[in-house]
Amino acid sequence: MANTDSARKRIRQTEKRTARNKARKSRVRTFVRKLEEAIASGDKSAAQEAFRAAQPELQRAATKGTLHANTVARKVSRLSARVKALGAAAV
């Protein structure tokens, strides 16, 4: 257990930050899951709409430092490619 006031404060700050990051990651996962479901259904318009909703959430997680910027860039790129592929398969 922490003995100094500053160490106790760091513990409080870490708990708050952990809760915030956990909530943010959960929110991102929810949006990505909805996008995955839309892609799986094969509905391109629904997938595009879900992608438009998921992308800002992913970017926000990177901006806030919850997820690494390169990780988000990679995920967005791969999800975007999958949404675009739906249109190519339908043609």
PDB file of N, CA and C in Angstrom:
ATOM      1  N   MET A   1       0.847  -1.189   0.000  1.00  0.00           N
ATOM      2  CA  MET A   1       0.000   0.000   0.000  1.00  0.00           C
ATOM      3  C   MET A   1       0.881   1.237   0.000  1.00  0.00           C
ATOM      4  N   ALA A   2       0.388   2.293  -0.643  1.00  0.00           N
ATOM      5  CA  ALA A   2       1.156   3.530  -0.746  1.00  0.00           C
ATOM      6  C   ALA A   2       1.247   4.223   0.611  1.00  0.00           C
ATOM      7  N   ASN A   3       2.407   4.774   0.879  1.00  0.00           N
ATOM      8  CA  ASN A   3       2.628   5.439   2.162  1.00  0.00           C
ATOM      9  C   ASN A   3       2.551   6.955   2.073  1.00  0.00           C
ATOM     10  N   THR A   4       2.969   7.514   0.946  1.00  0.00           N
ATOM     11  CA  THR A   4       3.007   8.973   0.848  1.00  0.00           C
ATOM     12  C   THR A   4       1.730   9.509   0.205  1.00  0.00           C
ATOM     13  N   ASP A   5       1.470  10.783   0.468  1.00  0.00           N
ATOM     14  CA  ASP A   5       0.285  11.425  -0.119  1.00  0.00           C
ATOM     15  C   ASP A   5       0.358  11.405  -1.642  1.00  0.00           C
ATOM     16  N   SER A   6       1.548  11.663  -2.178  1.00  0.00           N
ATOM     17  CA  SER A   6       1.692  11.711  -3.637  1.00  0.00           C
ATOM     18  C   SER A   6       1.451  10.338  -4.255  1.00  0.00           C
ATOM     19  N   ALA A   7       1.893   9.288  -3.562  1.00  0.00           N
ATOM     20  CA  ALA A   7       1.665   7.934  -4.077  1.00  0.00           C
ATOM     21  C   ALA A   7       0.184   7.581  -4.035  1.00  0.00           C
ATOM     22  N   ARG A   8      -0.498   8.005  -2.973  1.00  0.00           N
ATOM     23  CA  ARG A   8      -1.949   7.764  -2.880  1.00  0.00           C
ATOM     24  C   ARG A   8      -2.683   8.487  -4.010  1.00  0.00           C
ATOM     25  N   LYS A   9      -2.237   9.706  -4.278  1.00  0.00           N
ATOM     26  CA  LYS A   9      -2.858  10.483  -5.356  1.00  0.00           C
ATOM     27  C   LYS A   9      -2.634   9.788  -6.702  1.00  0.00           C
ATOM     28  N   ARG A  10      -1.425   9.272  -6.929  1.00  0.00           N
ATOM     29  CA  ARG A  10      -1.139   8.577  -8.180  1.00  0.00           C
ATOM     30  C   ARG A  10      -2.058   7.355  -8.343  1.00  0.00           C
ATOM     31  N   ILE A  11      -2.321   6.668  -7.243  1.00  0.00           N
ATOM     32  CA  ILE A  11      -3.215   5.505  -7.285  1.00  0.00           C
ATOM     33  C   ILE A  11      -4.625   5.946  -7.681  1.00  0.00           C
ATOM     34  N   ARG A  12      -5.096   7.054  -7.078  1.00  0.00           N
ATOM     35  CA  ARG A  12      -6.425   7.568  -7.421  1.00  0.00           C
ATOM     36  C   ARG A  12      -6.484   7.949  -8.898  1.00  0.00           C
ATOM     37  N   GLN A  13      -5.447   8.623  -9.382  1.00  0.00           N
ATOM     38  CA  GLN A  13      -5.425   9.044 -10.780  1.00  0.00           C
ATOM     39  C   GLN A  13      -5.409   7.840 -11.724  1.00  0.00           C
ATOM     40  N   THR A  14      -4.623   6.839 -11.355  1.00  0.00           N
ATOM     41  CA  THR A  14      -4.531   5.634 -12.180  1.00  0.00           C
ATOM     42  C   THR A  14      -5.873   4.923 -12.253  1.00  0.00           C
ATOM     43  N   GLU A  15      -6.569   4.843 -11.128  1.00  0.00           N
ATOM     44  CA  GLU A  15      -7.886   4.189 -11.120  1.00  0.00           C
ATOM     45  C   GLU A  15      -8.868   4.911 -12.036  1.00  0.00           C
ATOM     46  N   LYS A  16      -8.860   6.248 -11.964  1.00  0.00           N
ATOM     47  CA  LYS A  16      -9.761   7.041 -12.825  1.00  0.00           C
ATOM     48  C   LYS A  16      -9.410   6.829 -14.294  1.00  0.00           C
ATOM     49  N   ARG A  17      -8.127   6.906 -14.595  1.00  0.00           N
ATOM     50  CA  ARG A  17      -7.677   6.768 -15.983  1.00  0.00           C
ATOM     51  C   ARG A  17      -7.987   5.372 -16.516  1.00  0.00           C
ATOM     52  N   THR A  18      -7.780   4.354 -15.670  1.00  0.00           N
ATOM     53  CA  THR A  18      -8.067   2.976 -16.075  1.00  0.00           C
ATOM     54  C   THR A  18      -9.545   2.807 -16.394  1.00  0.00           C
ATOM     55  N   ALA A  19     -10.405   3.370 -15.553  1.00  0.00           N
ATOM     56  CA  ALA A  19     -11.852   3.275 -15.782  1.00  0.00           C
ATOM     57  C   ALA A  19     -12.237   3.970 -17.084  1.00  0.00           C
ATOM     58  N   ARG A  20     -11.653   5.139 -17.323  1.00  0.00           N
ATOM     59  CA  ARG A  20     -11.943   5.896 -18.548  1.00  0.00           C
ATOM     60  C   ARG A  20     -11.506   5.116 -19.782  1.00  0.00           C
ATOM     61  N   ASN A  21     -10.274   4.586 -19.720  1.00  0.00           N
ATOM     62  CA  ASN A  21      -9.745   3.833 -20.858  1.00  0.00           C
ATOM     63  C   ASN A  21     -10.545   2.563 -21.105  1.00  0.00           C
ATOM     64  N   LYS A  22     -10.955   1.907 -20.040  1.00  0.00           N
ATOM     65  CA  LYS A  22     -11.739   0.681 -20.157  1.00  0.00           C
ATOM     66  C   LYS A  22     -13.068   0.979 -20.853  1.00  0.00           C
ATOM     67  N   ALA A  23     -13.719   2.061 -20.436  1.00  0.00           N
ATOM     68  CA  ALA A  23     -15.000   2.456 -21.039  1.00  0.00           C
ATOM     69  C   ALA A  23     -14.814   2.804 -22.509  1.00  0.00           C
ATOM     70  N   ARG A  24     -13.741   3.514 -22.807  1.00  0.00           N
ATOM     71  CA  ARG A  24     -13.480   3.940 -24.182  1.00  0.00           C
ATOM     72  C   ARG A  24     -13.198   2.731 -25.076  1.00  0.00           C
ATOM     73  N   LYS A  25     -12.382   1.789 -24.573  1.00  0.00           N
ATOM     74  CA  LYS A  25     -12.080   0.577 -25.344  1.00  0.00           C
ATOM     75  C   LYS A  25     -13.343  -0.237 -25.579  1.00  0.00           C
ATOM     76  N   SER A  26     -14.175  -0.337 -24.569  1.00  0.00           N
ATOM     77  CA  SER A  26     -15.423  -1.084 -24.684  1.00  0.00           C
ATOM     78  C   SER A  26     -16.313  -0.453 -25.750  1.00  0.00           C
ATOM     79  N   ARG A  27     -16.385   0.864 -25.738  1.00  0.00           N
ATOM     80  CA  ARG A  27     -17.188   1.599 -26.723  1.00  0.00           C
ATOM     81  C   ARG A  27     -16.666   1.345 -28.137  1.00  0.00           C
ATOM     82  N   VAL A  28     -15.361   1.381 -28.297  1.00  0.00           N
ATOM     83  CA  VAL A  28     -14.750   1.120 -29.605  1.00  0.00           C
ATOM     84  C   VAL A  28     -15.076  -0.292 -30.062  1.00  0.00           C
ATOM     85  N   ARG A  29     -14.928  -1.262 -29.158  1.00  0.00           N
ATOM     86  CA  ARG A  29     -15.210  -2.657 -29.510  1.00  0.00           C
ATOM     87  C   ARG A  29     -16.663  -2.831 -29.937  1.00  0.00           C
ATOM     88  N   THR A  30     -17.584  -2.115 -29.276  1.00  0.00           N
ATOM     89  CA  THR A  30     -19.001  -2.199 -29.629  1.00  0.00           C
ATOM     90  C   THR A  30     -19.232  -1.703 -31.053  1.00  0.00           C
ATOM     91  N   PHE A  31     -18.635  -0.551 -31.377  1.00  0.00           N
ATOM     92  CA  PHE A  31     -18.803   0.010 -32.723  1.00  0.00           C
ATOM     93  C   PHE A  31     -18.185  -0.904 -33.778  1.00  0.00           C
ATOM     94  N   VAL A  32     -17.019  -1.465 -33.481  1.00  0.00           N
ATOM     95  CA  VAL A  32     -16.356  -2.363 -34.427  1.00  0.00           C
ATOM     96  C   VAL A  32     -17.175  -3.647 -34.594  1.00  0.00           C
ATOM     97  N   ARG A  33     -17.747  -4.154 -33.495  1.00  0.00           N
ATOM     98  CA  ARG A  33     -18.580  -5.360 -33.574  1.00  0.00           C
ATOM     99  C   ARG A  33     -19.794  -5.109 -34.462  1.00  0.00           C
ATOM    100  N   LYS A  34     -20.432  -3.944 -34.306  1.00  0.00           N
ATOM    101  CA  LYS A  34     -21.587  -3.607 -35.142  1.00  0.00           C
ATOM    102  C   LYS A  34     -21.180  -3.548 -36.620  1.00  0.00           C
ATOM    103  N   LEU A  35     -19.993  -3.013 -36.879  1.00  0.00           N
ATOM    104  CA  LEU A  35     -19.487  -2.941 -38.249  1.00  0.00           C
ATOM    105  C   LEU A  35     -19.224  -4.345 -38.784  1.00  0.00           C
ATOM    106  N   GLU A  36     -18.619  -5.208 -37.971  1.00  0.00           N
ATOM    107  CA  GLU A  36     -18.354  -6.599 -38.371  1.00  0.00           C
ATOM    108  C   GLU A  36     -19.663  -7.304 -38.725  1.00  0.00           C
ATOM    109  N   GLU A  37     -20.688  -7.070 -37.930  1.00  0.00           N
ATOM    110  CA  GLU A  37     -21.989  -7.698 -38.191  1.00  0.00           C
ATOM    111  C   GLU A  37     -22.591  -7.191 -39.494  1.00  0.00           C
ATOM    112  N   ALA A  38     -22.440  -5.900 -39.756  1.00  0.00           N
ATOM    113  CA  ALA A  38     -22.962  -5.322 -40.996  1.00  0.00           C
ATOM    114  C   ALA A  38     -22.218  -5.892 -42.203  1.00  0.00           C
ATOM    115  N   ILE A  39     -20.908  -6.068 -42.064  1.00  0.00           N
ATOM    116  CA  ILE A  39     -20.120  -6.650 -43.155  1.00  0.00           C
ATOM    117  C   ILE A  39     -20.547  -8.101 -43.382  1.00  0.00           C
ATOM    118  N   ALA A  40     -20.737  -8.836 -42.279  1.00  0.00           N
ATOM    119  CA  ALA A  40     -21.130 -10.242 -42.372  1.00  0.00           C
ATOM    120  C   ALA A  40     -22.504 -10.400 -43.041  1.00  0.00           C
ATOM    121  N   SER A  41     -23.385  -9.439 -42.815  1.00  0.00           N
ATOM    122  CA  SER A  41     -24.717  -9.519 -43.411  1.00  0.00           C
ATOM    123  C   SER A  41     -24.677  -9.259 -44.918  1.00  0.00           C
ATOM    124  N   GLY A  42     -23.597  -8.611 -45.380  1.00  0.00           N
ATOM    125  CA  GLY A  42     -23.447  -8.347 -46.810  1.00  0.00           C
ATOM    126  C   GLY A  42     -24.148  -7.083 -47.277  1.00  0.00           C
ATOM    127  N   ASP A  43     -24.720  -6.323 -46.366  1.00  0.00           N
ATOM    128  CA  ASP A  43     -25.427  -5.076 -46.709  1.00  0.00           C
ATOM    129  C   ASP A  43     -24.416  -3.933 -46.773  1.00  0.00           C
ATOM    130  N   LYS A  44     -24.104  -3.485 -47.984  1.00  0.00           N
ATOM    131  CA  LYS A  44     -23.062  -2.476 -48.142  1.00  0.00           C
ATOM    132  C   LYS A  44     -23.442  -1.143 -47.510  1.00  0.00           C
ATOM    133  N   SER A  45     -24.682  -0.699 -47.678  1.00  0.00           N
ATOM    134  CA  SER A  45     -25.082   0.598 -47.127  1.00  0.00           C
ATOM    135  C   SER A  45     -25.034   0.577 -45.600  1.00  0.00           C
ATOM    136  N   ALA A  46     -25.452  -0.528 -44.997  1.00  0.00           N
ATOM    137  CA  ALA A  46     -25.390  -0.656 -43.535  1.00  0.00           C
ATOM    138  C   ALA A  46     -23.934  -0.688 -43.070  1.00  0.00           C
ATOM    139  N   ALA A  47     -23.082  -1.367 -43.838  1.00  0.00           N
ATOM    140  CA  ALA A  47     -21.665  -1.447 -43.495  1.00  0.00           C
ATOM    141  C   ALA A  47     -21.011  -0.069 -43.584  1.00  0.00           C
ATOM    142  N   GLN A  48     -21.353   0.689 -44.623  1.00  0.00           N
ATOM    143  CA  GLN A  48     -20.791   2.037 -44.765  1.00  0.00           C
ATOM    144  C   GLN A  48     -21.239   2.934 -43.616  1.00  0.00           C
ATOM    145  N   GLU A  49     -22.499   2.816 -43.250  1.00  0.00           N
ATOM    146  CA  GLU A  49     -23.033   3.619 -42.139  1.00  0.00           C
ATOM    147  C   GLU A  49     -22.331   3.247 -40.831  1.00  0.00           C
ATOM    148  N   ALA A  50     -22.160   1.956 -40.606  1.00  0.00           N
ATOM    149  CA  ALA A  50     -21.476   1.487 -39.392  1.00  0.00           C
ATOM    150  C   ALA A  50     -20.014   1.931 -39.389  1.00  0.00           C
ATOM    151  N   PHE A  51     -19.391   1.940 -40.567  1.00  0.00           N
ATOM    152  CA  PHE A  51     -17.999   2.380 -40.673  1.00  0.00           C
ATOM    153  C   PHE A  51     -17.881   3.862 -40.348  1.00  0.00           C
ATOM    154  N   ARG A  52     -18.851   4.650 -40.848  1.00  0.00           N
ATOM    155  CA  ARG A  52     -18.857   6.096 -40.557  1.00  0.00           C
ATOM    156  C   ARG A  52     -19.021   6.368 -39.069  1.00  0.00           C
ATOM    157  N   ALA A  53     -19.709   5.478 -38.376  1.00  0.00           N
ATOM    158  CA  ALA A  53     -19.885   5.626 -36.926  1.00  0.00           C
ATOM    159  C   ALA A  53     -18.661   5.134 -36.165  1.00  0.00           C
ATOM    160  N   ALA A  54     -18.043   4.063 -36.650  1.00  0.00           N
ATOM    161  CA  ALA A  54     -16.916   3.448 -35.931  1.00  0.00           C
ATOM    162  C   ALA A  54     -15.619   4.240 -36.081  1.00  0.00           C
ATOM    163  N   GLN A  55     -15.404   4.815 -37.247  1.00  0.00           N
ATOM    164  CA  GLN A  55     -14.131   5.496 -37.499  1.00  0.00           C
ATOM    165  C   GLN A  55     -13.844   6.626 -36.503  1.00  0.00           C
ATOM    166  N   PRO A  56     -14.786   7.534 -36.229  1.00  0.00           N
ATOM    167  CA  PRO A  56     -14.493   8.588 -35.251  1.00  0.00           C
ATOM    168  C   PRO A  56     -14.203   8.042 -33.853  1.00  0.00           C
ATOM    169  N   GLU A  57     -14.876   6.946 -33.483  1.00  0.00           N
ATOM    170  CA  GLU A  57     -14.629   6.349 -32.169  1.00  0.00           C
ATOM    171  C   GLU A  57     -13.206   5.814 -32.086  1.00  0.00           C
ATOM    172  N   LEU A  58     -12.768   5.164 -33.149  1.00  0.00           N
ATOM    173  CA  LEU A  58     -11.401   4.653 -33.183  1.00  0.00           C
ATOM    174  C   LEU A  58     -10.394   5.814 -33.122  1.00  0.00           C
ATOM    175  N   GLN A  59     -10.645   6.849 -33.900  1.00  0.00           N
ATOM    176  CA  GLN A  59      -9.734   8.000 -33.924  1.00  0.00           C
ATOM    177  C   GLN A  59      -9.690   8.683 -32.563  1.00  0.00           C
ATOM    178  N   ARG A  60     -10.830   8.771 -31.917  1.00  0.00           N
ATOM    179  CA  ARG A  60     -10.892   9.396 -30.593  1.00  0.00           C
ATOM    180  C   ARG A  60     -10.057   8.606 -29.592  1.00  0.00           C
ATOM    181  N   ALA A  61     -10.126   7.280 -29.674  1.00  0.00           N
ATOM    182  CA  ALA A  61      -9.341   6.427 -28.776  1.00  0.00           C
ATOM    183  C   ALA A  61      -7.846   6.665 -28.992  1.00  0.00           C
ATOM    184  N   ALA A  62      -7.453   6.904 -30.239  1.00  0.00           N
ATOM    185  CA  ALA A  62      -6.045   7.186 -30.526  1.00  0.00           C
ATOM    186  C   ALA A  62      -5.648   8.566 -30.000  1.00  0.00           C
ATOM    187  N   THR A  63      -6.515   9.535 -30.203  1.00  0.00           N
ATOM    188  CA  THR A  63      -6.239  10.909 -29.762  1.00  0.00           C
ATOM    189  C   THR A  63      -6.090  10.977 -28.251  1.00  0.00           C
ATOM    190  N   LYS A  64      -6.937  10.232 -27.548  1.00  0.00           N
ATOM    191  CA  LYS A  64      -6.920  10.253 -26.083  1.00  0.00           C
ATOM    192  C   LYS A  64      -5.821   9.373 -25.502  1.00  0.00           C
ATOM    193  N   GLY A  65      -5.157   8.587 -26.359  1.00  0.00           N
ATOM    194  CA  GLY A  65      -4.065   7.755 -25.891  1.00  0.00           C
ATOM    195  C   GLY A  65      -4.490   6.395 -25.379  1.00  0.00           C
ATOM    196  N   THR A  66      -5.753   6.039 -25.587  1.00  0.00           N
ATOM    197  CA  THR A  66      -6.237   4.736 -25.138  1.00  0.00           C
ATOM    198  C   THR A  66      -5.673   3.633 -26.036  1.00  0.00           C
ATOM    199  N   LEU A  67      -5.688   3.866 -27.330  1.00  0.00           N
ATOM    200  CA  LEU A  67      -5.113   2.941 -28.299  1.00  0.00           C
ATOM    201  C   LEU A  67      -3.989   3.657 -29.033  1.00  0.00           C
ATOM    202  N   HIS A  68      -2.992   2.912 -29.482  1.00  0.00           N
ATOM    203  CA  HIS A  68      -1.874   3.503 -30.212  1.00  0.00           C
ATOM    204  C   HIS A  68      -2.356   3.973 -31.585  1.00  0.00           C
ATOM    205  N   ALA A  69      -1.828   5.086 -32.039  1.00  0.00           N
ATOM    206  CA  ALA A  69      -2.264   5.681 -33.306  1.00  0.00           C
ATOM    207  C   ALA A  69      -2.076   4.730 -34.481  1.00  0.00           C
ATOM    208  N   ASN A  70      -0.964   4.011 -34.517  1.00  0.00           N
ATOM    209  CA  ASN A  70      -0.715   3.079 -35.627  1.00  0.00           C
ATOM    210  C   ASN A  70      -1.688   1.901 -35.595  1.00  0.00           C
ATOM    211  N   THR A  71      -2.060   1.472 -34.407  1.00  0.00           N
ATOM    212  CA  THR A  71      -3.032   0.386 -34.267  1.00  0.00           C
ATOM    213  C   THR A  71      -4.365   0.812 -34.861  1.00  0.00           C
ATOM    214  N   VAL A  72      -4.779   2.028 -34.540  1.00  0.00           N
ATOM    215  CA  VAL A  72      -6.045   2.556 -35.050  1.00  0.00           C
ATOM    216  C   VAL A  72      -5.980   2.709 -36.561  1.00  0.00           C
ATOM    217  N   ALA A  73      -4.866   3.228 -37.066  1.00  0.00           N
ATOM    218  CA  ALA A  73      -4.707   3.408 -38.512  1.00  0.00           C
ATOM    219  C   ALA A  73      -4.819   2.064 -39.222  1.00  0.00           C
ATOM    220  N   ARG A  74      -4.201   1.044 -38.660  1.00  0.00           N
ATOM    221  CA  ARG A  74      -4.237  -0.292 -39.248  1.00  0.00           C
ATOM    222  C   ARG A  74      -5.661  -0.849 -39.242  1.00  0.00           C
ATOM    223  N   LYS A  75      -6.363  -0.708 -38.114  1.00  0.00           N
ATOM    224  CA  LYS A  75      -7.725  -1.221 -38.008  1.00  0.00           C
ATOM    225  C   LYS A  75      -8.659  -0.506 -38.986  1.00  0.00           C
ATOM    226  N   VAL A  76      -8.544   0.821 -39.044  1.00  0.00           N
ATOM    227  CA  VAL A  76      -9.402   1.606 -39.949  1.00  0.00           C
ATOM    228  C   VAL A  76      -9.140   1.203 -41.392  1.00  0.00           C
ATOM    229  N   SER A  77      -7.871   1.041 -41.734  1.00  0.00           N
ATOM    230  CA  SER A  77      -7.507   0.661 -43.092  1.00  0.00           C
ATOM    231  C   SER A  77      -8.095  -0.694 -43.468  1.00  0.00           C
ATOM    232  N   ARG A  78      -7.963  -1.665 -42.574  1.00  0.00           N
ATOM    233  CA  ARG A  78      -8.456  -3.010 -42.854  1.00  0.00           C
ATOM    234  C   ARG A  78      -9.983  -3.054 -42.922  1.00  0.00           C
ATOM    235  N   LEU A  79     -10.630  -2.325 -42.007  1.00  0.00           N
ATOM    236  CA  LEU A  79     -12.102  -2.291 -42.024  1.00  0.00           C
ATOM    237  C   LEU A  79     -12.602  -1.597 -43.282  1.00  0.00           C
ATOM    238  N   SER A  80     -11.935  -0.518 -43.668  1.00  0.00           N
ATOM    239  CA  SER A  80     -12.314   0.218 -44.871  1.00  0.00           C
ATOM    240  C   SER A  80     -12.199  -0.680 -46.104  1.00  0.00           C
ATOM    241  N   ALA A  81     -11.121  -1.438 -46.171  1.00  0.00           N
ATOM    242  CA  ALA A  81     -10.917  -2.340 -47.308  1.00  0.00           C
ATOM    243  C   ALA A  81     -12.017  -3.390 -47.365  1.00  0.00           C
ATOM    244  N   ARG A  82     -12.434  -3.886 -46.201  1.00  0.00           N
ATOM    245  CA  ARG A  82     -13.493  -4.909 -46.168  1.00  0.00           C
ATOM    246  C   ARG A  82     -14.833  -4.329 -46.610  1.00  0.00           C
ATOM    247  N   VAL A  83     -15.106  -3.070 -46.219  1.00  0.00           N
ATOM    248  CA  VAL A  83     -16.356  -2.421 -46.639  1.00  0.00           C
ATOM    249  C   VAL A  83     -16.339  -2.196 -48.136  1.00  0.00           C
ATOM    250  N   LYS A  84     -15.191  -1.754 -48.662  1.00  0.00           N
ATOM    251  CA  LYS A  84     -15.080  -1.530 -50.114  1.00  0.00           C
ATOM    252  C   LYS A  84     -15.232  -2.837 -50.886  1.00  0.00           C
ATOM    253  N   ALA A  85     -14.718  -3.924 -50.329  1.00  0.00           N
ATOM    254  CA  ALA A  85     -14.801  -5.214 -51.002  1.00  0.00           C
ATOM    255  C   ALA A  85     -16.236  -5.687 -51.153  1.00  0.00           C
ATOM    256  N   LEU A  86     -17.118  -5.256 -50.242  1.00  0.00           N
ATOM    257  CA  LEU A  86     -18.527  -5.621 -50.365  1.00  0.00           C
ATOM    258  C   LEU A  86     -19.101  -5.121 -51.672  1.00  0.00           C
ATOM    259  N   GLY A  87     -18.749  -3.893 -52.037  1.00  0.00           N
ATOM    260  CA  GLY A  87     -19.237  -3.306 -53.275  1.00  0.00           C
ATOM    261  C   GLY A  87     -18.698  -4.030 -54.489  1.00  0.00           C
ATOM    262  N   ALA A  88     -17.426  -4.437 -54.420  1.00  0.00           N
ATOM    263  CA  ALA A  88     -16.792  -5.133 -55.552  1.00  0.00           C
ATOM    264  C   ALA A  88     -17.424  -6.510 -55.746  1.00  0.00           C
ATOM    265  N   ALA A  89     -17.777  -7.162 -54.655  1.00  0.00           N
ATOM    266  CA  ALA A  89     -18.381  -8.491 -54.746  1.00  0.00           C
ATOM    267  C   ALA A  89     -19.795  -8.411 -55.335  1.00  0.00           C
ATOM    268  N   ALA A  90     -20.495  -7.301 -55.059  1.00  0.00           N
ATOM    269  CA  ALA A  90     -21.873  -7.153 -55.531  1.00  0.00           C
ATOM    270  C   ALA A  90     -21.927  -6.840 -57.021  1.00  0.00           C
ATOM    271  N   VAL A  91     -20.862  -6.264 -57.580  1.00  0.00           N
ATOM    272  CA  VAL A  91     -20.869  -5.852 -58.987  1.00  0.00           C
ATOM    273  C   VAL A  91     -20.708  -7.000 -59.927  1.00  0.00           C
TER     274      VAL A  91
END
